[in-house]
């Protein structure tokens, strides 16, 4: 009986961990759609802002631009994106890296 309980617990933990990764990516996609797509396009193809699809920027560089800004860039990335938490920035960066 104990072995059965351990097996069920193991399966629950494993399934929860497996589902957590797609949920994280989904949050990045939703945040991207709400805060980024209007300039960078819904598929990262570029619009007013440059294309992000296939970008050479690392996820850490994207997070830095979103959270700290870059004086060399044009608005809005001259300053951090308002209302974007570090977790949201990381999720958006991971989503952007999936755009191919």
PDB file of N, CA and C in Angstrom:
ATOM      1  N   UNK A   1       0.819  -1.190   0.000  1.00  0.00           N
ATOM      2  CA  UNK A   1       0.000   0.000   0.000  1.00  0.00           C
ATOM      3  C   UNK A   1       0.867   1.260   0.000  1.00  0.00           C
ATOM      4  N   UNK A   2       1.933   1.265   0.769  1.00  0.00           N
ATOM      5  CA  UNK A   2       2.808   2.426   0.811  1.00  0.00           C
ATOM      6  C   UNK A   2       3.470   2.677  -0.541  1.00  0.00           C
ATOM      7  N   UNK A   3       3.837   1.612  -1.223  1.00  0.00           N
ATOM      8  CA  UNK A   3       4.462   1.748  -2.535  1.00  0.00           C
ATOM      9  C   UNK A   3       3.498   2.416  -3.514  1.00  0.00           C
ATOM     10  N   UNK A   4       2.245   2.085  -3.445  1.00  0.00           N
ATOM     11  CA  UNK A   4       1.234   2.696  -4.304  1.00  0.00           C
ATOM     12  C   UNK A   4       1.119   4.190  -4.028  1.00  0.00           C
ATOM     13  N   UNK A   5       1.124   4.553  -2.750  1.00  0.00           N
ATOM     14  CA  UNK A   5       1.051   5.973  -2.388  1.00  0.00           C
ATOM     15  C   UNK A   5       2.271   6.734  -2.883  1.00  0.00           C
ATOM     16  N   UNK A   6       3.430   6.131  -2.745  1.00  0.00           N
ATOM     17  CA  UNK A   6       4.652   6.777  -3.233  1.00  0.00           C
ATOM     18  C   UNK A   6       4.627   6.938  -4.749  1.00  0.00           C
ATOM     19  N   UNK A   7       4.127   5.943  -5.436  1.00  0.00           N
ATOM     20  CA  UNK A   7       4.037   6.015  -6.885  1.00  0.00           C
ATOM     21  C   UNK A   7       3.081   7.126  -7.318  1.00  0.00           C
ATOM     22  N   UNK A   8       1.949   7.219  -6.661  1.00  0.00           N
ATOM     23  CA  UNK A   8       0.980   8.273  -6.980  1.00  0.00           C
ATOM     24  C   UNK A   8       1.581   9.642  -6.694  1.00  0.00           C
ATOM     25  N   UNK A   9       2.244   9.779  -5.558  1.00  0.00           N
ATOM     26  CA  UNK A   9       2.888  11.049  -5.217  1.00  0.00           C
ATOM     27  C   UNK A   9       3.954  11.415  -6.248  1.00  0.00           C
ATOM     28  N   UNK A  10       4.760  10.438  -6.641  1.00  0.00           N
ATOM     29  CA  UNK A  10       5.783  10.672  -7.659  1.00  0.00           C
ATOM     30  C   UNK A  10       5.156  11.148  -8.973  1.00  0.00           C
ATOM     31  N   UNK A  11       4.075  10.509  -9.378  1.00  0.00           N
ATOM     32  CA  UNK A  11       3.404  10.896 -10.623  1.00  0.00           C
ATOM     33  C   UNK A  11       2.823  12.304 -10.536  1.00  0.00           C
ATOM     34  N   UNK A  12       2.262  12.656  -9.397  1.00  0.00           N
ATOM     35  CA  UNK A  12       1.712  14.005  -9.216  1.00  0.00           C
ATOM     36  C   UNK A  12       2.823  15.048  -9.310  1.00  0.00           C
ATOM     37  N   UNK A  13       3.926  14.815  -8.622  1.00  0.00           N
ATOM     38  CA  UNK A  13       5.052  15.764  -8.649  1.00  0.00           C
ATOM     39  C   UNK A  13       5.622  15.874 -10.058  1.00  0.00           C
ATOM     40  N   UNK A  14       5.789  14.749 -10.724  1.00  0.00           N
ATOM     41  CA  UNK A  14       6.335  14.754 -12.078  1.00  0.00           C
ATOM     42  C   UNK A  14       5.432  15.506 -13.041  1.00  0.00           C
ATOM     43  N   UNK A  15       4.141  15.261 -12.978  1.00  0.00           N
ATOM     44  CA  UNK A  15       3.195  15.941 -13.878  1.00  0.00           C
ATOM     45  C   UNK A  15       3.132  17.434 -13.589  1.00  0.00           C
ATOM     46  N   UNK A  16       3.180  17.804 -12.307  1.00  0.00           N
ATOM     47  CA  UNK A  16       3.162  19.220 -11.943  1.00  0.00           C
ATOM     48  C   UNK A  16       4.393  19.929 -12.500  1.00  0.00           C
ATOM     49  N   UNK A  17       5.547  19.315 -12.376  1.00  0.00           N
ATOM     50  CA  UNK A  17       6.779  19.910 -12.904  1.00  0.00           C
ATOM     51  C   UNK A  17       6.731  20.007 -14.417  1.00  0.00           C
ATOM     52  N   UNK A  18       6.199  19.014 -15.073  1.00  0.00           N
ATOM     53  CA  UNK A  18       6.118  19.019 -16.537  1.00  0.00           C
ATOM     54  C   UNK A  18       5.171  20.102 -17.028  1.00  0.00           C
ATOM     55  N   UNK A  19       4.119  20.354 -16.296  1.00  0.00           N
ATOM     56  CA  UNK A  19       3.151  21.379 -16.703  1.00  0.00           C
ATOM     57  C   UNK A  19       3.602  22.785 -16.362  1.00  0.00           C
ATOM     58  N   UNK A  20       4.545  22.936 -15.443  1.00  0.00           N
ATOM     59  CA  UNK A  20       4.993  24.266 -15.022  1.00  0.00           C
ATOM     60  C   UNK A  20       5.747  24.977 -16.136  1.00  0.00           C
ATOM     61  N   UNK A  21       6.534  24.281 -16.935  1.00  0.00           N
ATOM     62  CA  UNK A  21       7.319  24.911 -17.994  1.00  0.00           C
ATOM     63  C   UNK A  21       6.420  25.520 -19.065  1.00  0.00           C
ATOM     64  N   UNK A  22       5.434  24.808 -19.609  1.00  0.00           N
ATOM     65  CA  UNK A  22       4.557  25.440 -20.589  1.00  0.00           C
ATOM     66  C   UNK A  22       3.768  26.613 -20.013  1.00  0.00           C
ATOM     67  N   UNK A  23       3.402  26.537 -18.728  1.00  0.00           N
ATOM     68  CA  UNK A  23       2.671  27.643 -18.121  1.00  0.00           C
ATOM     69  C   UNK A  23       3.548  28.888 -18.086  1.00  0.00           C
ATOM     70  N   UNK A  24       4.840  28.717 -17.791  1.00  0.00           N
ATOM     71  CA  UNK A  24       5.773  29.833 -17.767  1.00  0.00           C
ATOM     72  C   UNK A  24       5.862  30.462 -19.158  1.00  0.00           C
ATOM     73  N   UNK A  25       5.980  29.626 -20.189  1.00  0.00           N
ATOM     74  CA  UNK A  25       6.061  30.132 -21.552  1.00  0.00           C
ATOM     75  C   UNK A  25       4.767  30.827 -21.957  1.00  0.00           C
ATOM     76  N   UNK A  26       3.635  30.294 -21.511  1.00  0.00           N
ATOM     77  CA  UNK A  26       2.355  30.908 -21.851  1.00  0.00           C
ATOM     78  C   UNK A  26       2.255  32.306 -21.255  1.00  0.00           C
ATOM     79  N   UNK A  27       2.755  32.505 -20.033  1.00  0.00           N
ATOM     80  CA  UNK A  27       2.743  33.825 -19.428  1.00  0.00           C
ATOM     81  C   UNK A  27       3.599  34.790 -20.243  1.00  0.00           C
ATOM     82  N   UNK A  28       4.746  34.333 -20.709  1.00  0.00           N
ATOM     83  CA  UNK A  28       5.606  35.180 -21.538  1.00  0.00           C
ATOM     84  C   UNK A  28       4.929  35.553 -22.838  1.00  0.00           C
ATOM     85  N   UNK A  29       4.201  34.611 -23.423  1.00  0.00           N
ATOM     86  CA  UNK A  29       3.483  34.882 -24.668  1.00  0.00           C
ATOM     87  C   UNK A  29       2.383  35.907 -24.435  1.00  0.00           C
ATOM     88  N   UNK A  30       1.661  35.766 -23.319  1.00  0.00           N
ATOM     89  CA  UNK A  30       0.582  36.711 -23.015  1.00  0.00           C
ATOM     90  C   UNK A  30       1.132  38.109 -22.743  1.00  0.00           C
ATOM     91  N   UNK A  31       2.223  38.177 -22.002  1.00  0.00           N
ATOM     92  CA  UNK A  31       2.836  39.475 -21.718  1.00  0.00           C
ATOM     93  C   UNK A  31       3.385  40.094 -22.997  1.00  0.00           C
ATOM     94  N   UNK A  32       4.021  39.275 -23.837  1.00  0.00           N
ATOM     95  CA  UNK A  32       4.517  39.763 -25.122  1.00  0.00           C
ATOM     96  C   UNK A  32       3.365  40.345 -25.936  1.00  0.00           C
ATOM     97  N   UNK A  33       2.268  39.613 -26.006  1.00  0.00           N
ATOM     98  CA  UNK A  33       1.113  40.064 -26.782  1.00  0.00           C
ATOM     99  C   UNK A  33       0.585  41.392 -26.252  1.00  0.00           C
ATOM    100  N   UNK A  34       0.549  41.540 -24.933  1.00  0.00           N
ATOM    101  CA  UNK A  34      -0.001  42.747 -24.321  1.00  0.00           C
ATOM    102  C   UNK A  34       0.945  43.943 -24.394  1.00  0.00           C
ATOM    103  N   UNK A  35       2.254  43.717 -24.291  1.00  0.00           N
ATOM    104  CA  UNK A  35       3.183  44.841 -24.160  1.00  0.00           C
ATOM    105  C   UNK A  35       4.168  45.020 -25.308  1.00  0.00           C
ATOM    106  N   UNK A  36       4.324  44.000 -26.165  1.00  0.00           N
ATOM    107  CA  UNK A  36       5.385  44.053 -27.167  1.00  0.00           C
ATOM    108  C   UNK A  36       4.884  43.952 -28.606  1.00  0.00           C
ATOM    109  N   UNK A  37       3.829  43.166 -28.798  1.00  0.00           N
ATOM    110  CA  UNK A  37       3.377  42.838 -30.156  1.00  0.00           C
ATOM    111  C   UNK A  37       2.969  44.061 -30.965  1.00  0.00           C
ATOM    112  N   UNK A  38       2.485  45.105 -30.310  1.00  0.00           N
ATOM    113  CA  UNK A  38       2.048  46.281 -31.070  1.00  0.00           C
ATOM    114  C   UNK A  38       3.199  46.925 -31.857  1.00  0.00           C
ATOM    115  N   UNK A  39       4.408  46.772 -31.376  1.00  0.00           N
ATOM    116  CA  UNK A  39       5.558  47.336 -32.091  1.00  0.00           C
ATOM    117  C   UNK A  39       6.394  46.281 -32.813  1.00  0.00           C
ATOM    118  N   UNK A  40       6.520  45.109 -32.204  1.00  0.00           N
ATOM    119  CA  UNK A  40       7.390  44.074 -32.766  1.00  0.00           C
ATOM    120  C   UNK A  40       6.637  43.020 -33.562  1.00  0.00           C
ATOM    121  N   UNK A  41       5.317  43.155 -33.668  1.00  0.00           N
ATOM    122  CA  UNK A  41       4.504  42.214 -34.426  1.00  0.00           C
ATOM    123  C   UNK A  41       4.117  41.012 -33.596  1.00  0.00           C
ATOM    124  N   UNK A  42       2.949  40.439 -33.879  1.00  0.00           N
ATOM    125  CA  UNK A  42       2.461  39.311 -33.084  1.00  0.00           C
ATOM    126  C   UNK A  42       3.345  38.068 -33.168  1.00  0.00           C
ATOM    127  N   UNK A  43       4.064  37.909 -34.240  1.00  0.00           N
ATOM    128  CA  UNK A  43       4.963  36.761 -34.403  1.00  0.00           C
ATOM    129  C   UNK A  43       6.427  37.183 -34.342  1.00  0.00           C
ATOM    130  N   UNK A  44       6.699  38.400 -33.869  1.00  0.00           N
ATOM    131  CA  UNK A  44       8.063  38.886 -33.764  1.00  0.00           C
ATOM    132  C   UNK A  44       8.686  39.271 -35.087  1.00  0.00           C
ATOM    133  N   UNK A  45       7.843  39.451 -36.111  1.00  0.00           N
ATOM    134  CA  UNK A  45       8.344  39.734 -37.461  1.00  0.00           C
ATOM    135  C   UNK A  45       8.753  41.191 -37.648  1.00  0.00           C
ATOM    136  N   UNK A  46       8.481  42.037 -36.670  1.00  0.00           N
ATOM    137  CA  UNK A  46       8.797  43.453 -36.787  1.00  0.00           C
ATOM    138  C   UNK A  46       7.602  44.224 -37.302  1.00  0.00           C
ATOM    139  N   UNK A  47       7.531  45.456 -36.920  1.00  0.00           N
ATOM    140  CA  UNK A  47       6.443  46.342 -37.329  1.00  0.00           C
ATOM    141  C   UNK A  47       7.025  47.739 -37.230  1.00  0.00           C
ATOM    142  N   UNK A  48       6.672  48.470 -36.194  1.00  0.00           N
ATOM    143  CA  UNK A  48       7.301  49.758 -35.913  1.00  0.00           C
ATOM    144  C   UNK A  48       8.687  49.504 -35.319  1.00  0.00           C
ATOM    145  N   UNK A  49       8.752  48.515 -34.442  1.00  0.00           N
ATOM    146  CA  UNK A  49      10.015  48.108 -33.831  1.00  0.00           C
ATOM    147  C   UNK A  49      10.677  47.028 -34.671  1.00  0.00           C
ATOM    148  N   UNK A  50      11.928  46.722 -34.379  1.00  0.00           N
ATOM    149  CA  UNK A  50      12.645  45.716 -35.174  1.00  0.00           C
ATOM    150  C   UNK A  50      12.098  44.304 -34.965  1.00  0.00           C
ATOM    151  N   UNK A  51      12.392  43.448 -35.916  1.00  0.00           N
ATOM    152  CA  UNK A  51      12.011  42.041 -35.816  1.00  0.00           C
ATOM    153  C   UNK A  51      12.765  41.392 -34.655  1.00  0.00           C
ATOM    154  N   UNK A  52      12.076  40.538 -33.938  1.00  0.00           N
ATOM    155  CA  UNK A  52      12.678  39.791 -32.840  1.00  0.00           C
ATOM    156  C   UNK A  52      12.821  38.316 -33.180  1.00  0.00           C
ATOM    157  N   UNK A  53      12.136  37.897 -34.217  1.00  0.00           N
ATOM    158  CA  UNK A  53      12.179  36.502 -34.643  1.00  0.00           C
ATOM    159  C   UNK A  53      13.616  36.155 -35.020  1.00  0.00           C
ATOM    160  N   UNK A  54      14.176  35.143 -34.357  1.00  0.00           N
ATOM    161  CA  UNK A  54      15.544  34.727 -34.653  1.00  0.00           C
ATOM    162  C   UNK A  54      16.610  35.689 -34.159  1.00  0.00           C
ATOM    163  N   UNK A  55      16.285  36.532 -33.185  1.00  0.00           N
ATOM    164  CA  UNK A  55      17.235  37.528 -32.695  1.00  0.00           C
ATOM    165  C   UNK A  55      18.515  36.887 -32.164  1.00  0.00           C
ATOM    166  N   UNK A  56      19.623  37.582 -32.336  1.00  0.00           N
ATOM    167  CA  UNK A  56      20.911  37.117 -31.820  1.00  0.00           C
ATOM    168  C   UNK A  56      21.086  37.505 -30.356  1.00  0.00           C
ATOM    169  N   UNK A  57      20.187  38.334 -29.826  1.00  0.00           N
ATOM    170  CA  UNK A  57      20.277  38.721 -28.422  1.00  0.00           C
ATOM    171  C   UNK A  57      20.029  37.507 -27.534  1.00  0.00           C
ATOM    172  N   UNK A  58      20.764  37.431 -26.448  1.00  0.00           N
ATOM    173  CA  UNK A  58      20.529  36.356 -25.487  1.00  0.00           C
ATOM    174  C   UNK A  58      19.306  36.713 -24.643  1.00  0.00           C
ATOM    175  N   UNK A  59      18.768  35.729 -23.955  1.00  0.00           N
ATOM    176  CA  UNK A  59      17.636  35.976 -23.063  1.00  0.00           C
ATOM    177  C   UNK A  59      18.022  37.004 -22.000  1.00  0.00           C
ATOM    178  N   UNK A  60      19.238  36.931 -21.487  1.00  0.00           N
ATOM    179  CA  UNK A  60      19.694  37.896 -20.478  1.00  0.00           C
ATOM    180  C   UNK A  60      19.767  39.308 -21.054  1.00  0.00           C
ATOM    181  N   UNK A  61      20.198  39.445 -22.295  1.00  0.00           N
ATOM    182  CA  UNK A  61      20.243  40.769 -22.923  1.00  0.00           C
ATOM    183  C   UNK A  61      18.836  41.333 -23.112  1.00  0.00           C
ATOM    184  N   UNK A  62      17.907  40.480 -23.481  1.00  0.00           N
ATOM    185  CA  UNK A  62      16.516  40.922 -23.645  1.00  0.00           C
ATOM    186  C   UNK A  62      15.954  41.371 -22.301  1.00  0.00           C
ATOM    187  N   UNK A  63      16.208  40.595 -21.262  1.00  0.00           N
ATOM    188  CA  UNK A  63      15.747  40.969 -19.921  1.00  0.00           C
ATOM    189  C   UNK A  63      16.329  42.319 -19.533  1.00  0.00           C
ATOM    190  N   UNK A  64      17.604  42.532 -19.799  1.00  0.00           N
ATOM    191  CA  UNK A  64      18.245  43.807 -19.479  1.00  0.00           C
ATOM    192  C   UNK A  64      17.596  44.981 -20.189  1.00  0.00           C
ATOM    193  N   UNK A  65      17.293  44.816 -21.468  1.00  0.00           N
ATOM    194  CA  UNK A  65      16.627  45.888 -22.209  1.00  0.00           C
ATOM    195  C   UNK A  65      15.242  46.181 -21.645  1.00  0.00           C
ATOM    196  N   UNK A  66      14.529  45.137 -21.274  1.00  0.00           N
ATOM    197  CA  UNK A  66      13.177  45.317 -20.769  1.00  0.00           C
ATOM    198  C   UNK A  66      13.147  45.920 -19.373  1.00  0.00           C
ATOM    199  N   UNK A  67      14.099  45.548 -18.534  1.00  0.00           N
ATOM    200  CA  UNK A  67      14.069  45.990 -17.142  1.00  0.00           C
ATOM    201  C   UNK A  67      14.913  47.236 -16.855  1.00  0.00           C
ATOM    202  N   UNK A  68      15.955  47.456 -17.658  1.00  0.00           N
ATOM    203  CA  UNK A  68      16.845  48.585 -17.394  1.00  0.00           C
ATOM    204  C   UNK A  68      16.839  49.621 -18.504  1.00  0.00           C
ATOM    205  N   UNK A  69      16.473  49.191 -19.699  1.00  0.00           N
ATOM    206  CA  UNK A  69      16.523  50.094 -20.832  1.00  0.00           C
ATOM    207  C   UNK A  69      17.938  50.198 -21.381  1.00  0.00           C
ATOM    208  N   UNK A  70      18.085  51.032 -22.399  1.00  0.00           N
ATOM    209  CA  UNK A  70      19.378  51.214 -23.046  1.00  0.00           C
ATOM    210  C   UNK A  70      19.390  52.606 -23.650  1.00  0.00           C
ATOM    211  N   UNK A  71      20.254  53.470 -23.152  1.00  0.00           N
ATOM    212  CA  UNK A  71      20.296  54.856 -23.617  1.00  0.00           C
ATOM    213  C   UNK A  71      20.567  54.976 -25.116  1.00  0.00           C
ATOM    214  N   UNK A  72      21.192  53.965 -25.705  1.00  0.00           N
ATOM    215  CA  UNK A  72      21.505  54.020 -27.129  1.00  0.00           C
ATOM    216  C   UNK A  72      20.282  53.692 -27.990  1.00  0.00           C
ATOM    217  N   UNK A  73      19.239  53.146 -27.393  1.00  0.00           N
ATOM    218  CA  UNK A  73      18.048  52.743 -28.144  1.00  0.00           C
ATOM    219  C   UNK A  73      17.013  53.868 -28.172  1.00  0.00           C
ATOM    220  N   UNK A  74      16.119  53.778 -29.139  1.00  0.00           N
ATOM    221  CA  UNK A  74      14.995  54.703 -29.209  1.00  0.00           C
ATOM    222  C   UNK A  74      13.931  54.268 -28.202  1.00  0.00           C
ATOM    223  N   UNK A  75      13.050  55.186 -27.864  1.00  0.00           N
ATOM    224  CA  UNK A  75      11.938  54.854 -26.961  1.00  0.00           C
ATOM    225  C   UNK A  75      11.150  53.706 -27.565  1.00  0.00           C
ATOM    226  N   UNK A  76      10.548  52.844 -26.781  1.00  0.00           N
ATOM    227  CA  UNK A  76      10.408  52.859 -25.328  1.00  0.00           C
ATOM    228  C   UNK A  76      11.533  52.146 -24.600  1.00  0.00           C
ATOM    229  N   UNK A  77      12.489  51.572 -25.311  1.00  0.00           N
ATOM    230  CA  UNK A  77      13.513  50.798 -24.620  1.00  0.00           C
ATOM    231  C   UNK A  77      14.683  51.637 -24.130  1.00  0.00           C
ATOM    232  N   UNK A  78      14.573  52.952 -24.293  1.00  0.00           N
ATOM    233  CA  UNK A  78      15.573  53.809 -23.679  1.00  0.00           C
ATOM    234  C   UNK A  78      15.464  53.673 -22.162  1.00  0.00           C
ATOM    235  N   UNK A  79      14.242  53.462 -21.703  1.00  0.00           N
ATOM    236  CA  UNK A  79      13.983  53.218 -20.282  1.00  0.00           C
ATOM    237  C   UNK A  79      13.306  51.867 -20.159  1.00  0.00           C
ATOM    238  N   UNK A  80      13.230  51.380 -18.944  1.00  0.00           N
ATOM    239  CA  UNK A  80      12.577  50.085 -18.687  1.00  0.00           C
ATOM    240  C   UNK A  80      11.105  50.166 -19.091  1.00  0.00           C
ATOM    241  N   UNK A  81      10.535  49.030 -19.433  1.00  0.00           N
ATOM    242  CA  UNK A  81       9.119  48.960 -19.769  1.00  0.00           C
ATOM    243  C   UNK A  81       8.324  49.074 -18.471  1.00  0.00           C
ATOM    244  N   UNK A  82       7.445  50.050 -18.399  1.00  0.00           N
ATOM    245  CA  UNK A  82       6.671  50.304 -17.184  1.00  0.00           C
ATOM    246  C   UNK A  82       5.791  49.111 -16.842  1.00  0.00           C
ATOM    247  N   UNK A  83       5.763  48.785 -15.565  1.00  0.00           N
ATOM    248  CA  UNK A  83       4.888  47.734 -15.071  1.00  0.00           C
ATOM    249  C   UNK A  83       5.336  46.319 -15.382  1.00  0.00           C
ATOM    250  N   UNK A  84       6.564  46.146 -15.804  1.00  0.00           N
ATOM    251  CA  UNK A  84       7.054  44.811 -16.155  1.00  0.00           C
ATOM    252  C   UNK A  84       7.962  44.304 -15.032  1.00  0.00           C
ATOM    253  N   UNK A  85       7.540  43.238 -14.368  1.00  0.00           N
ATOM    254  CA  UNK A  85       8.352  42.668 -13.286  1.00  0.00           C
ATOM    255  C   UNK A  85       9.531  41.897 -13.874  1.00  0.00           C
ATOM    256  N   UNK A  86      10.477  41.573 -13.013  1.00  0.00           N
ATOM    257  CA  UNK A  86      11.626  40.766 -13.452  1.00  0.00           C
ATOM    258  C   UNK A  86      11.159  39.410 -13.974  1.00  0.00           C
ATOM    259  N   UNK A  87      10.167  38.813 -13.299  1.00  0.00           N
ATOM    260  CA  UNK A  87       9.654  37.513 -13.733  1.00  0.00           C
ATOM    261  C   UNK A  87       8.991  37.625 -15.105  1.00  0.00           C
ATOM    262  N   UNK A  88       8.209  38.705 -15.304  1.00  0.00           N
ATOM    263  CA  UNK A  88       7.574  38.916 -16.609  1.00  0.00           C
ATOM    264  C   UNK A  88       8.620  39.110 -17.691  1.00  0.00           C
ATOM    265  N   UNK A  89       9.662  39.885 -17.387  1.00  0.00           N
ATOM    266  CA  UNK A  89      10.729  40.127 -18.369  1.00  0.00           C
ATOM    267  C   UNK A  89      11.417  38.828 -18.753  1.00  0.00           C
ATOM    268  N   UNK A  90      11.673  37.964 -17.769  1.00  0.00           N
ATOM    269  CA  UNK A  90      12.303  36.670 -18.055  1.00  0.00           C
ATOM    270  C   UNK A  90      11.384  35.802 -18.909  1.00  0.00           C
ATOM    271  N   UNK A  91      10.093  35.825 -18.591  1.00  0.00           N
ATOM    272  CA  UNK A  91       9.136  35.028 -19.368  1.00  0.00           C
ATOM    273  C   UNK A  91       9.046  35.542 -20.803  1.00  0.00           C
ATOM    274  N   UNK A  92       9.033  36.859 -20.977  1.00  0.00           N
ATOM    275  CA  UNK A  92       8.991  37.436 -22.329  1.00  0.00           C
ATOM    276  C   UNK A  92      10.257  37.069 -23.087  1.00  0.00           C
ATOM    277  N   UNK A  93      11.405  37.172 -22.433  1.00  0.00           N
ATOM    278  CA  UNK A  93      12.673  36.836 -23.093  1.00  0.00           C
ATOM    279  C   UNK A  93      12.695  35.394 -23.536  1.00  0.00           C
ATOM    280  N   UNK A  94      12.233  34.489 -22.701  1.00  0.00           N
ATOM    281  CA  UNK A  94      12.183  33.076 -23.072  1.00  0.00           C
ATOM    282  C   UNK A  94      11.212  32.865 -24.241  1.00  0.00           C
ATOM    283  N   UNK A  95      10.085  33.573 -24.227  1.00  0.00           N
ATOM    284  CA  UNK A  95       9.143  33.469 -25.338  1.00  0.00           C
ATOM    285  C   UNK A  95       9.775  33.989 -26.619  1.00  0.00           C
ATOM    286  N   UNK A  96      10.429  35.124 -26.572  1.00  0.00           N
ATOM    287  CA  UNK A  96      11.064  35.712 -27.756  1.00  0.00           C
ATOM    288  C   UNK A  96      12.087  34.741 -28.330  1.00  0.00           C
ATOM    289  N   UNK A  97      12.818  34.049 -27.484  1.00  0.00           N
ATOM    290  CA  UNK A  97      13.817  33.091 -27.987  1.00  0.00           C
ATOM    291  C   UNK A  97      13.188  31.898 -28.686  1.00  0.00           C
ATOM    292  N   UNK A  98      11.884  31.676 -28.487  1.00  0.00           N
ATOM    293  CA  UNK A  98      11.211  30.576 -29.200  1.00  0.00           C
ATOM    294  C   UNK A  98      10.735  31.002 -30.581  1.00  0.00           C
ATOM    295  N   UNK A  99      10.747  32.297 -30.865  1.00  0.00           N
ATOM    296  CA  UNK A  99      10.287  32.789 -32.165  1.00  0.00           C
ATOM    297  C   UNK A  99      11.339  32.477 -33.218  1.00  0.00           C
ATOM    298  N   UNK A 100      11.008  31.660 -34.171  1.00  0.00           N
ATOM    299  CA  UNK A 100      11.985  31.268 -35.191  1.00  0.00           C
ATOM    300  C   UNK A 100      11.405  31.500 -36.566  1.00  0.00           C
TER     301      UNK A 100
END
